[in-house]
Amino acid sequence: MKKKFIYSFMIAAAAAAFSSCSNFLEERPTDAFDEETAFQSPTLVYVNTVASLYNNMFKIMGNDRHVYDLNTFSSDEAMLPCRIGDWEDGGLWQNIFLHRWGTMNDLTKNSWDFLYEQIGKCNQSVDKLQAFAEEQPDVEYFKVYLEEVRAVRAFFYYELLDLFARVPLVTSSTTPMSEVKQSERSVVFNFVRSELEEALPYLSDNRSNQKGEYYGRITKPVAYMILAKLALNAEVYADDNWTDGNRPAGKNIKFTVDGKEMNAWEATIAYVDKLEALGYKLQGNFSENFAVANETSVENIFTVPMDPVAYPDYNVVRTRHYDHATAYGQSGWNGACATVKAMNVFKFGTADEDPRCKLTYFTGEVTGPDGKTIYTEWDGQKVPLKYEPNAPKVYMDASDGLLVKTAGARMAKYEFDQNAQDGGNLHGNDCVIFRFADALLMKAEAKIRLGQNGDDEVNQVRNRVGAKPLQNVTLDTLLDERMLELAWEGVRRQDLIRFGKFTEATVDRYVGVKHSASSLDYQEDKTGYTTVFSIYADILSLNPNLTQNPGY
């Protein structure tokens, strides 16, 4: 199909004029425009219907108390300990880690509100573009823009599906609240899949992670990756009763790829192969994917374009100790750290320590940009700042001494941007949502689930960092490999759920937990209800058509 792309991504900033409000059914992103001028050219149509839909994508990966936090701090790879009052926040972070988020949790509310706000904006654009396409059927770019917006909306629904399972499918800005009803998880799953499949022919083959016309946008390879994720997690997403202990079999869940019917595992492999055919491969150096100037990566598939003056990312700031950040002229919040479980998977401190441990974490004594030891103050003395990876606990108090400040390995995956603004919140490293190493490990997993050997894909990933090759990779070793490769990239919760491990207790959930009349001990979930987050109670009170997810 010949497509005429006559717009410029460089003017996307004009989309900041979009207005918004709290009710996702009342979004009117074009209200501030006179339609006589707002849609009089292809460029303006793009700006006023597509461009602004990407403006808040950073909240998926980097914004405080949103989607990333739910996926990361509910897993076994990272925590935010209470450090003598620091980071307690009413038990918010500790409850997320202990799977006690209940029905009034800020993270669940923020994520739900954000995702539906974006869907509301997408629906406004869909309605407008559909009207244009009907009025002027010979103008092809209306259809091209429309399908891109549907793909963006599908991505946001994919996130809702993963977090909340049973959610309303609202596809028009004119839908009254009385008609907003909850859809079963399998219905949402099939909706996301069909939306992406129908949009695919209209999406560009271009790379989304590299600067240019398609920078930061959902292109065909991004859609392939989402479809591969849908296929790999199909047993979870097609399960409408996730507390009964039974899942549909992936071999019986059918996809159609290029006109050929195949099961979920075969579809995963097919979509990964499509990515490889488009030229995606492993970047020669692991850390280059997270460098300040990572837009040239041949591995990154979908990233959030970051800018030292535009979009904040709190993840790199809240993990660093105050004095560590100060040495770089930035801020540190001294909060998030790796779990002891994660350190065990990385085999930290042993002869078999994985090479990615040093590429992913700050451990031991840390130095500044000048290579000199960084010092911190404790008990009136200056002592070398030394992170203690095996020492974090959910609750830490005065009896832990200096460990209150230093317990836990800190995330080092993203290179320090010494030109970052706002204390380091505004940096140049684009945040990685999808990359090809993940796709290779997904292909390996699909092959293993089909009874085949996935060693080749796993060892491609391991060889890149100089790790010893593995033989006869099992699902258990593959799950560990995914932590080694993808730690702090927002995928761990999804992985644990797919592997049936999310509800299992870990050593971190038993050590240092506060015992009181309102005990916050971890209680192992026997039914699996915590694999889906609760719907915030206030949302339920606003719409009687919605019901709470099981177990809450």
Foldseek 3Di string as FASTA:
>chain_A
DDDDDDEFLVPLVVLVQFDFDQDLLQGDGCPVDDVVPQPPDLHSLCSSQPSCLQQPVCQCAFDPLENLLLLALCFQWKFFAQLANAPCPVPQGLCSVLLNCPFAHSSQARHVRVLSNSLSSLQNSLVVLVVVCVVPVVRPVSVLRNLQSLLSNLVSLLSCCQFFQWAWDDRHSPDDLQPTFTDGLLVSLVSSLVSLVVSQVSFALDFCLADTRNPQGDGNLNSLVSLLVSLLLVQVSNDRQQQPPDTDDQQPDWDADPNDIGGSLVSNLVSLVVLVVSPADAFLALLLCQELPNSPHSWFRHWRFFALVRAFGCQQAAQDFQQQLVLLVFGHNQTMFTALVLCVLQVPPDPQRALLVVLFWDFFFDDHPVRDFTWDDFPRDTDTQGAAAHDDANYDHCVVGPCSRRYHTGTDSHDQASPHPPRRRGGRGIQGQDTSLVSLLSSQVSQVSVVHHSQVSLVSQSVSSPHDGDPRDHLVNSLSSCCSSCPSNSCNLVSCVSVVRSQPDDPRQQPPFDDDPPGSRRDRDPRCQSSHDWHRPVVCVVRVSDDIGPPD
